[in-house]
């Protein structure tokens, strides 16, 4: 999660330089990592033909993704203030 576009923005780019003091910014890292970890785990689970685990991992990925979007929206709203 450090090398995707969001990870680069978060760890090296404008995200870090402009929003590091924001609680929403700091709370973004964990769900972002969960998106990646759950996605990889879902692919591995699917490869092992474990449909039940795959569906659970995809749901976990989707939940984390929605939290990422929520945190990004909150960061954007903070920056407008």
PDB file of N, CA and C in Angstrom:
ATOM      1  N   UNK A   1       0.811  -1.200   0.000  1.00  0.00           N
ATOM      2  CA  UNK A   1       0.000   0.000   0.000  1.00  0.00           C
ATOM      3  C   UNK A   1       0.854   1.265   0.000  1.00  0.00           C
ATOM      4  N   UNK A   2       2.148   1.107   0.040  1.00  0.00           N
ATOM      5  CA  UNK A   2       3.050   2.266  -0.025  1.00  0.00           C
ATOM      6  C   UNK A   2       3.326   2.694  -1.467  1.00  0.00           C
ATOM      7  N   UNK A   3       3.143   1.784  -2.424  1.00  0.00           N
ATOM      8  CA  UNK A   3       3.565   2.067  -3.792  1.00  0.00           C
ATOM      9  C   UNK A   3       2.441   2.367  -4.773  1.00  0.00           C
ATOM     10  N   UNK A   4       1.186   2.244  -4.346  1.00  0.00           N
ATOM     11  CA  UNK A   4       0.089   2.613  -5.244  1.00  0.00           C
ATOM     12  C   UNK A   4      -0.016   4.148  -5.254  1.00  0.00           C
ATOM     13  N   UNK A   5      -0.876   4.682  -6.082  1.00  0.00           N
ATOM     14  CA  UNK A   5      -0.987   6.145  -6.182  1.00  0.00           C
ATOM     15  C   UNK A   5      -1.365   6.788  -4.847  1.00  0.00           C
ATOM     16  N   UNK A   6      -2.337   6.191  -4.153  1.00  0.00           N
ATOM     17  CA  UNK A   6      -2.739   6.747  -2.868  1.00  0.00           C
ATOM     18  C   UNK A   6      -1.607   6.623  -1.851  1.00  0.00           C
ATOM     19  N   UNK A   7      -0.921   5.502  -1.856  1.00  0.00           N
ATOM     20  CA  UNK A   7       0.197   5.318  -0.936  1.00  0.00           C
ATOM     21  C   UNK A   7       1.300   6.329  -1.164  1.00  0.00           C
ATOM     22  N   UNK A   8       1.605   6.597  -2.406  1.00  0.00           N
ATOM     23  CA  UNK A   8       2.640   7.594  -2.707  1.00  0.00           C
ATOM     24  C   UNK A   8       2.196   8.990  -2.270  1.00  0.00           C
ATOM     25  N   UNK A   9       0.912   9.301  -2.508  1.00  0.00           N
ATOM     26  CA  UNK A   9       0.366  10.583  -2.063  1.00  0.00           C
ATOM     27  C   UNK A   9       0.451  10.681  -0.543  1.00  0.00           C
ATOM     28  N   UNK A  10       0.127   9.588   0.129  1.00  0.00           N
ATOM     29  CA  UNK A  10       0.069   9.569   1.587  1.00  0.00           C
ATOM     30  C   UNK A  10       1.460   9.629   2.222  1.00  0.00           C
ATOM     31  N   UNK A  11       2.382   8.817   1.735  1.00  0.00           N
ATOM     32  CA  UNK A  11       3.679   8.687   2.382  1.00  0.00           C
ATOM     33  C   UNK A  11       4.753   9.638   1.864  1.00  0.00           C
ATOM     34  N   UNK A  12       4.628  10.092   0.607  1.00  0.00           N
ATOM     35  CA  UNK A  12       5.713  10.871   0.014  1.00  0.00           C
ATOM     36  C   UNK A  12       5.255  12.187  -0.589  1.00  0.00           C
ATOM     37  N   UNK A  13       3.998  12.289  -0.905  1.00  0.00           N
ATOM     38  CA  UNK A  13       3.552  13.407  -1.722  1.00  0.00           C
ATOM     39  C   UNK A  13       2.847  14.508  -0.967  1.00  0.00           C
ATOM     40  N   UNK A  14       1.944  15.153  -1.694  1.00  0.00           N
ATOM     41  CA  UNK A  14       1.225  16.299  -1.154  1.00  0.00           C
ATOM     42  C   UNK A  14       0.372  15.946   0.051  1.00  0.00           C
ATOM     43  N   UNK A  15      -0.115  14.718   0.109  1.00  0.00           N
ATOM     44  CA  UNK A  15      -0.906  14.316   1.261  1.00  0.00           C
ATOM     45  C   UNK A  15      -0.134  14.497   2.550  1.00  0.00           C
ATOM     46  N   UNK A  16       1.061  13.978   2.565  1.00  0.00           N
ATOM     47  CA  UNK A  16       1.903  14.073   3.763  1.00  0.00           C
ATOM     48  C   UNK A  16       2.265  15.521   4.067  1.00  0.00           C
ATOM     49  N   UNK A  17       2.653  16.257   3.043  1.00  0.00           N
ATOM     50  CA  UNK A  17       3.120  17.625   3.284  1.00  0.00           C
ATOM     51  C   UNK A  17       1.989  18.577   3.670  1.00  0.00           C
ATOM     52  N   UNK A  18       0.761  18.307   3.214  1.00  0.00           N
ATOM     53  CA  UNK A  18      -0.338  19.229   3.488  1.00  0.00           C
ATOM     54  C   UNK A  18      -1.274  18.785   4.616  1.00  0.00           C
ATOM     55  N   UNK A  19      -1.388  17.485   4.863  1.00  0.00           N
ATOM     56  CA  UNK A  19      -2.436  17.017   5.754  1.00  0.00           C
ATOM     57  C   UNK A  19      -1.954  16.169   6.930  1.00  0.00           C
ATOM     58  N   UNK A  20      -0.663  16.065   7.134  1.00  0.00           N
ATOM     59  CA  UNK A  20      -0.122  15.186   8.186  1.00  0.00           C
ATOM     60  C   UNK A  20      -0.674  15.517   9.568  1.00  0.00           C
ATOM     61  N   UNK A  21      -1.076  16.730   9.814  1.00  0.00           N
ATOM     62  CA  UNK A  21      -1.599  17.122  11.125  1.00  0.00           C
ATOM     63  C   UNK A  21      -3.064  16.714  11.313  1.00  0.00           C
ATOM     64  N   UNK A  22      -3.716  16.291  10.257  1.00  0.00           N
ATOM     65  CA  UNK A  22      -5.134  15.947  10.317  1.00  0.00           C
ATOM     66  C   UNK A  22      -5.353  14.551  10.899  1.00  0.00           C
ATOM     67  N   UNK A  23      -6.292  14.439  11.823  1.00  0.00           N
ATOM     68  CA  UNK A  23      -6.643  13.128  12.381  1.00  0.00           C
ATOM     69  C   UNK A  23      -7.203  12.213  11.289  1.00  0.00           C
ATOM     70  N   UNK A  24      -7.983  12.759  10.387  1.00  0.00           N
ATOM     71  CA  UNK A  24      -8.529  11.950   9.299  1.00  0.00           C
ATOM     72  C   UNK A  24      -7.429  11.415   8.397  1.00  0.00           C
ATOM     73  N   UNK A  25      -6.424  12.216   8.171  1.00  0.00           N
ATOM     74  CA  UNK A  25      -5.272  11.761   7.384  1.00  0.00           C
ATOM     75  C   UNK A  25      -4.590  10.579   8.079  1.00  0.00           C
ATOM     76  N   UNK A  26      -4.332  10.723   9.366  1.00  0.00           N
ATOM     77  CA  UNK A  26      -3.666   9.652  10.116  1.00  0.00           C
ATOM     78  C   UNK A  26      -4.524   8.395  10.176  1.00  0.00           C
ATOM     79  N   UNK A  27      -5.821   8.540  10.199  1.00  0.00           N
ATOM     80  CA  UNK A  27      -6.738   7.402  10.261  1.00  0.00           C
ATOM     81  C   UNK A  27      -6.944   6.734   8.900  1.00  0.00           C
ATOM     82  N   UNK A  28      -6.392   7.272   7.868  1.00  0.00           N
ATOM     83  CA  UNK A  28      -6.529   6.739   6.515  1.00  0.00           C
ATOM     84  C   UNK A  28      -5.621   5.533   6.258  1.00  0.00           C
ATOM     85  N   UNK A  29      -4.477   5.484   6.891  1.00  0.00           N
ATOM     86  CA  UNK A  29      -3.491   4.455   6.576  1.00  0.00           C
ATOM     87  C   UNK A  29      -3.996   3.036   6.832  1.00  0.00           C
ATOM     88  N   UNK A  30      -4.583   2.802   7.989  1.00  0.00           N
ATOM     89  CA  UNK A  30      -4.996   1.435   8.332  1.00  0.00           C
ATOM     90  C   UNK A  30      -6.052   0.874   7.367  1.00  0.00           C
ATOM     91  N   UNK A  31      -7.148   1.588   7.091  1.00  0.00           N
ATOM     92  CA  UNK A  31      -8.105   1.023   6.134  1.00  0.00           C
ATOM     93  C   UNK A  31      -7.528   0.887   4.725  1.00  0.00           C
ATOM     94  N   UNK A  32      -6.629   1.782   4.361  1.00  0.00           N
ATOM     95  CA  UNK A  32      -5.994   1.678   3.051  1.00  0.00           C
ATOM     96  C   UNK A  32      -5.173   0.395   2.970  1.00  0.00           C
ATOM     97  N   UNK A  33      -4.447   0.095   4.025  1.00  0.00           N
ATOM     98  CA  UNK A  33      -3.679  -1.144   4.072  1.00  0.00           C
ATOM     99  C   UNK A  33      -4.623  -2.346   4.041  1.00  0.00           C
ATOM    100  N   UNK A  34      -5.759  -2.255   4.728  1.00  0.00           N
ATOM    101  CA  UNK A  34      -6.742  -3.343   4.719  1.00  0.00           C
ATOM    102  C   UNK A  34      -7.293  -3.615   3.317  1.00  0.00           C
ATOM    103  N   UNK A  35      -7.477  -2.570   2.525  1.00  0.00           N
ATOM    104  CA  UNK A  35      -7.945  -2.761   1.142  1.00  0.00           C
ATOM    105  C   UNK A  35      -6.964  -3.663   0.399  1.00  0.00           C
ATOM    106  N   UNK A  36      -5.696  -3.333   0.481  1.00  0.00           N
ATOM    107  CA  UNK A  36      -4.681  -4.114  -0.222  1.00  0.00           C
ATOM    108  C   UNK A  36      -4.558  -5.534   0.338  1.00  0.00           C
ATOM    109  N   UNK A  37      -4.452  -5.640   1.641  1.00  0.00           N
ATOM    110  CA  UNK A  37      -4.272  -6.959   2.253  1.00  0.00           C
ATOM    111  C   UNK A  37      -5.468  -7.871   1.996  1.00  0.00           C
ATOM    112  N   UNK A  38      -6.670  -7.331   2.120  1.00  0.00           N
ATOM    113  CA  UNK A  38      -7.869  -8.140   1.892  1.00  0.00           C
ATOM    114  C   UNK A  38      -7.989  -8.553   0.430  1.00  0.00           C
ATOM    115  N   UNK A  39      -7.632  -7.661  -0.471  1.00  0.00           N
ATOM    116  CA  UNK A  39      -7.678  -7.992  -1.899  1.00  0.00           C
ATOM    117  C   UNK A  39      -6.722  -9.114  -2.258  1.00  0.00           C
ATOM    118  N   UNK A  40      -5.512  -9.023  -1.761  1.00  0.00           N
ATOM    119  CA  UNK A  40      -4.520 -10.073  -2.025  1.00  0.00           C
ATOM    120  C   UNK A  40      -4.972 -11.387  -1.401  1.00  0.00           C
ATOM    121  N   UNK A  41      -5.465 -11.320  -0.169  1.00  0.00           N
ATOM    122  CA  UNK A  41      -5.929 -12.532   0.503  1.00  0.00           C
ATOM    123  C   UNK A  41      -7.121 -13.146  -0.237  1.00  0.00           C
ATOM    124  N   UNK A  42      -8.009 -12.309  -0.780  1.00  0.00           N
ATOM    125  CA  UNK A  42      -9.159 -12.815  -1.538  1.00  0.00           C
ATOM    126  C   UNK A  42      -8.700 -13.536  -2.801  1.00  0.00           C
ATOM    127  N   UNK A  43      -7.728 -12.993  -3.480  1.00  0.00           N
ATOM    128  CA  UNK A  43      -7.199 -13.648  -4.683  1.00  0.00           C
ATOM    129  C   UNK A  43      -6.577 -14.989  -4.313  1.00  0.00           C
ATOM    130  N   UNK A  44      -5.804 -15.006  -3.240  1.00  0.00           N
ATOM    131  CA  UNK A  44      -5.192 -16.266  -2.800  1.00  0.00           C
ATOM    132  C   UNK A  44      -6.259 -17.286  -2.405  1.00  0.00           C
ATOM    133  N   UNK A  45      -7.286 -16.815  -1.732  1.00  0.00           N
ATOM    134  CA  UNK A  45      -8.370 -17.696  -1.310  1.00  0.00           C
ATOM    135  C   UNK A  45      -9.122 -18.254  -2.518  1.00  0.00           C
ATOM    136  N   UNK A  46      -9.337 -17.401  -3.506  1.00  0.00           N
ATOM    137  CA  UNK A  46     -10.012 -17.838  -4.727  1.00  0.00           C
ATOM    138  C   UNK A  46      -9.169 -18.876  -5.459  1.00  0.00           C
ATOM    139  N   UNK A  47      -7.871 -18.662  -5.482  1.00  0.00           N
ATOM    140  CA  UNK A  47      -6.957 -19.607  -6.117  1.00  0.00           C
ATOM    141  C   UNK A  47      -7.026 -20.975  -5.437  1.00  0.00           C
ATOM    142  N   UNK A  48      -7.264 -20.955  -4.130  1.00  0.00           N
ATOM    143  CA  UNK A  48      -7.389 -22.196  -3.370  1.00  0.00           C
ATOM    144  C   UNK A  48      -8.819 -22.736  -3.369  1.00  0.00           C
ATOM    145  N   UNK A  49      -9.682 -22.128  -4.191  1.00  0.00           N
ATOM    146  CA  UNK A  49     -11.069 -22.583  -4.368  1.00  0.00           C
ATOM    147  C   UNK A  49     -11.869 -22.542  -3.068  1.00  0.00           C
ATOM    148  N   UNK A  50     -11.622 -21.514  -2.273  1.00  0.00           N
ATOM    149  CA  UNK A  50     -12.355 -21.341  -1.020  1.00  0.00           C
ATOM    150  C   UNK A  50     -13.322 -20.165  -1.195  1.00  0.00           C
ATOM    151  N   UNK A  51     -14.477 -20.455  -1.740  1.00  0.00           N
ATOM    152  CA  UNK A  51     -15.434 -19.416  -2.107  1.00  0.00           C
ATOM    153  C   UNK A  51     -15.946 -18.644  -0.889  1.00  0.00           C
ATOM    154  N   UNK A  52     -16.220 -19.325   0.193  1.00  0.00           N
ATOM    155  CA  UNK A  52     -16.745 -18.654   1.389  1.00  0.00           C
ATOM    156  C   UNK A  52     -15.744 -17.629   1.929  1.00  0.00           C
ATOM    157  N   UNK A  53     -14.491 -18.034   2.049  1.00  0.00           N
ATOM    158  CA  UNK A  53     -13.452 -17.114   2.537  1.00  0.00           C
ATOM    159  C   UNK A  53     -13.244 -15.969   1.551  1.00  0.00           C
ATOM    160  N   UNK A  54     -13.295 -16.287   0.270  1.00  0.00           N
ATOM    161  CA  UNK A  54     -13.119 -15.247  -0.750  1.00  0.00           C
ATOM    162  C   UNK A  54     -14.175 -14.172  -0.613  1.00  0.00           C
ATOM    163  N   UNK A  55     -15.420 -14.569  -0.460  1.00  0.00           N
ATOM    164  CA  UNK A  55     -16.513 -13.598  -0.329  1.00  0.00           C
ATOM    165  C   UNK A  55     -16.358 -12.752   0.934  1.00  0.00           C
ATOM    166  N   UNK A  56     -15.951 -13.356   2.032  1.00  0.00           N
ATOM    167  CA  UNK A  56     -15.733 -12.607   3.269  1.00  0.00           C
ATOM    168  C   UNK A  56     -14.610 -11.595   3.105  1.00  0.00           C
ATOM    169  N   UNK A  57     -13.545 -12.003   2.439  1.00  0.00           N
ATOM    170  CA  UNK A  57     -12.408 -11.099   2.229  1.00  0.00           C
ATOM    171  C   UNK A  57     -12.765  -9.964   1.276  1.00  0.00           C
ATOM    172  N   UNK A  58     -13.568 -10.255   0.266  1.00  0.00           N
ATOM    173  CA  UNK A  58     -14.011  -9.196  -0.638  1.00  0.00           C
ATOM    174  C   UNK A  58     -14.898  -8.193   0.093  1.00  0.00           C
ATOM    175  N   UNK A  59     -15.739  -8.679   0.994  1.00  0.00           N
ATOM    176  CA  UNK A  59     -16.569  -7.778   1.798  1.00  0.00           C
ATOM    177  C   UNK A  59     -15.702  -6.915   2.699  1.00  0.00           C
ATOM    178  N   UNK A  60     -14.686  -7.524   3.304  1.00  0.00           N
ATOM    179  CA  UNK A  60     -13.762  -6.761   4.151  1.00  0.00           C
ATOM    180  C   UNK A  60     -13.046  -5.688   3.325  1.00  0.00           C
ATOM    181  N   UNK A  61     -12.646  -6.037   2.114  1.00  0.00           N
ATOM    182  CA  UNK A  61     -11.995  -5.083   1.224  1.00  0.00           C
ATOM    183  C   UNK A  61     -12.942  -3.938   0.887  1.00  0.00           C
ATOM    184  N   UNK A  62     -14.192  -4.266   0.589  1.00  0.00           N
ATOM    185  CA  UNK A  62     -15.180  -3.239   0.241  1.00  0.00           C
ATOM    186  C   UNK A  62     -15.455  -2.314   1.428  1.00  0.00           C
ATOM    187  N   UNK A  63     -15.571  -2.869   2.607  1.00  0.00           N
ATOM    188  CA  UNK A  63     -15.790  -2.053   3.805  1.00  0.00           C
ATOM    189  C   UNK A  63     -14.619  -1.107   4.034  1.00  0.00           C
ATOM    190  N   UNK A  64     -13.411  -1.616   3.904  1.00  0.00           N
ATOM    191  CA  UNK A  64     -12.216  -0.787   4.073  1.00  0.00           C
ATOM    192  C   UNK A  64     -12.153   0.291   2.993  1.00  0.00           C
ATOM    193  N   UNK A  65     -12.543  -0.065   1.782  1.00  0.00           N
ATOM    194  CA  UNK A  65     -12.541   0.893   0.678  1.00  0.00           C
ATOM    195  C   UNK A  65     -13.503   2.053   0.949  1.00  0.00           C
ATOM    196  N   UNK A  66     -14.669   1.733   1.494  1.00  0.00           N
ATOM    197  CA  UNK A  66     -15.631   2.786   1.814  1.00  0.00           C
ATOM    198  C   UNK A  66     -15.092   3.689   2.926  1.00  0.00           C
ATOM    199  N   UNK A  67     -14.367   3.120   3.866  1.00  0.00           N
ATOM    200  CA  UNK A  67     -13.767   3.925   4.929  1.00  0.00           C
ATOM    201  C   UNK A  67     -12.668   4.828   4.373  1.00  0.00           C
ATOM    202  N   UNK A  68     -11.892   4.311   3.435  1.00  0.00           N
ATOM    203  CA  UNK A  68     -10.871   5.130   2.766  1.00  0.00           C
ATOM    204  C   UNK A  68     -11.531   6.330   2.093  1.00  0.00           C
ATOM    205  N   UNK A  69     -12.594   6.074   1.357  1.00  0.00           N
ATOM    206  CA  UNK A  69     -13.290   7.173   0.675  1.00  0.00           C
ATOM    207  C   UNK A  69     -13.850   8.175   1.672  1.00  0.00           C
ATOM    208  N   UNK A  70     -14.376   7.691   2.774  1.00  0.00           N
ATOM    209  CA  UNK A  70     -14.916   8.567   3.807  1.00  0.00           C
ATOM    210  C   UNK A  70     -13.819   9.459   4.396  1.00  0.00           C
ATOM    211  N   UNK A  71     -12.669   8.875   4.660  1.00  0.00           N
ATOM    212  CA  UNK A  71     -11.550   9.652   5.218  1.00  0.00           C
ATOM    213  C   UNK A  71     -11.037  10.680   4.214  1.00  0.00           C
ATOM    214  N   UNK A  72     -10.972  10.290   2.949  1.00  0.00           N
ATOM    215  CA  UNK A  72     -10.527  11.244   1.917  1.00  0.00           C
ATOM    216  C   UNK A  72     -11.512  12.401   1.790  1.00  0.00           C
ATOM    217  N   UNK A  73     -12.793  12.096   1.869  1.00  0.00           N
ATOM    218  CA  UNK A  73     -13.803  13.148   1.811  1.00  0.00           C
ATOM    219  C   UNK A  73     -13.672  14.083   3.010  1.00  0.00           C
ATOM    220  N   UNK A  74     -13.453  13.513   4.190  1.00  0.00           N
ATOM    221  CA  UNK A  74     -13.292  14.335   5.387  1.00  0.00           C
ATOM    222  C   UNK A  74     -12.053  15.226   5.279  1.00  0.00           C
ATOM    223  N   UNK A  75     -10.989  14.690   4.729  1.00  0.00           N
ATOM    224  CA  UNK A  75      -9.769  15.487   4.527  1.00  0.00           C
ATOM    225  C   UNK A  75     -10.056  16.643   3.569  1.00  0.00           C
ATOM    226  N   UNK A  76     -10.772  16.336   2.498  1.00  0.00           N
ATOM    227  CA  UNK A  76     -11.108  17.391   1.522  1.00  0.00           C
ATOM    228  C   UNK A  76     -11.972  18.478   2.169  1.00  0.00           C
ATOM    229  N   UNK A  77     -12.933  18.084   2.979  1.00  0.00           N
ATOM    230  CA  UNK A  77     -13.789  19.057   3.642  1.00  0.00           C
ATOM    231  C   UNK A  77     -13.006  19.894   4.640  1.00  0.00           C
ATOM    232  N   UNK A  78     -12.067  19.281   5.344  1.00  0.00           N
ATOM    233  CA  UNK A  78     -11.212  20.039   6.278  1.00  0.00           C
ATOM    234  C   UNK A  78     -10.392  21.088   5.535  1.00  0.00           C
ATOM    235  N   UNK A  79      -9.935  20.720   4.363  1.00  0.00           N
ATOM    236  CA  UNK A  79      -9.061  21.645   3.620  1.00  0.00           C
ATOM    237  C   UNK A  79      -9.832  22.833   3.074  1.00  0.00           C
ATOM    238  N   UNK A  80     -11.150  22.704   2.972  1.00  0.00           N
ATOM    239  CA  UNK A  80     -11.979  23.807   2.494  1.00  0.00           C
ATOM    240  C   UNK A  80     -12.247  24.826   3.600  1.00  0.00           C
ATOM    241  N   UNK A  81     -12.053  24.398   4.849  1.00  0.00           N
ATOM    242  CA  UNK A  81     -12.345  25.285   5.990  1.00  0.00           C
ATOM    243  C   UNK A  81     -11.306  26.355   6.159  1.00  0.00           C
TER     244      UNK A  81
END
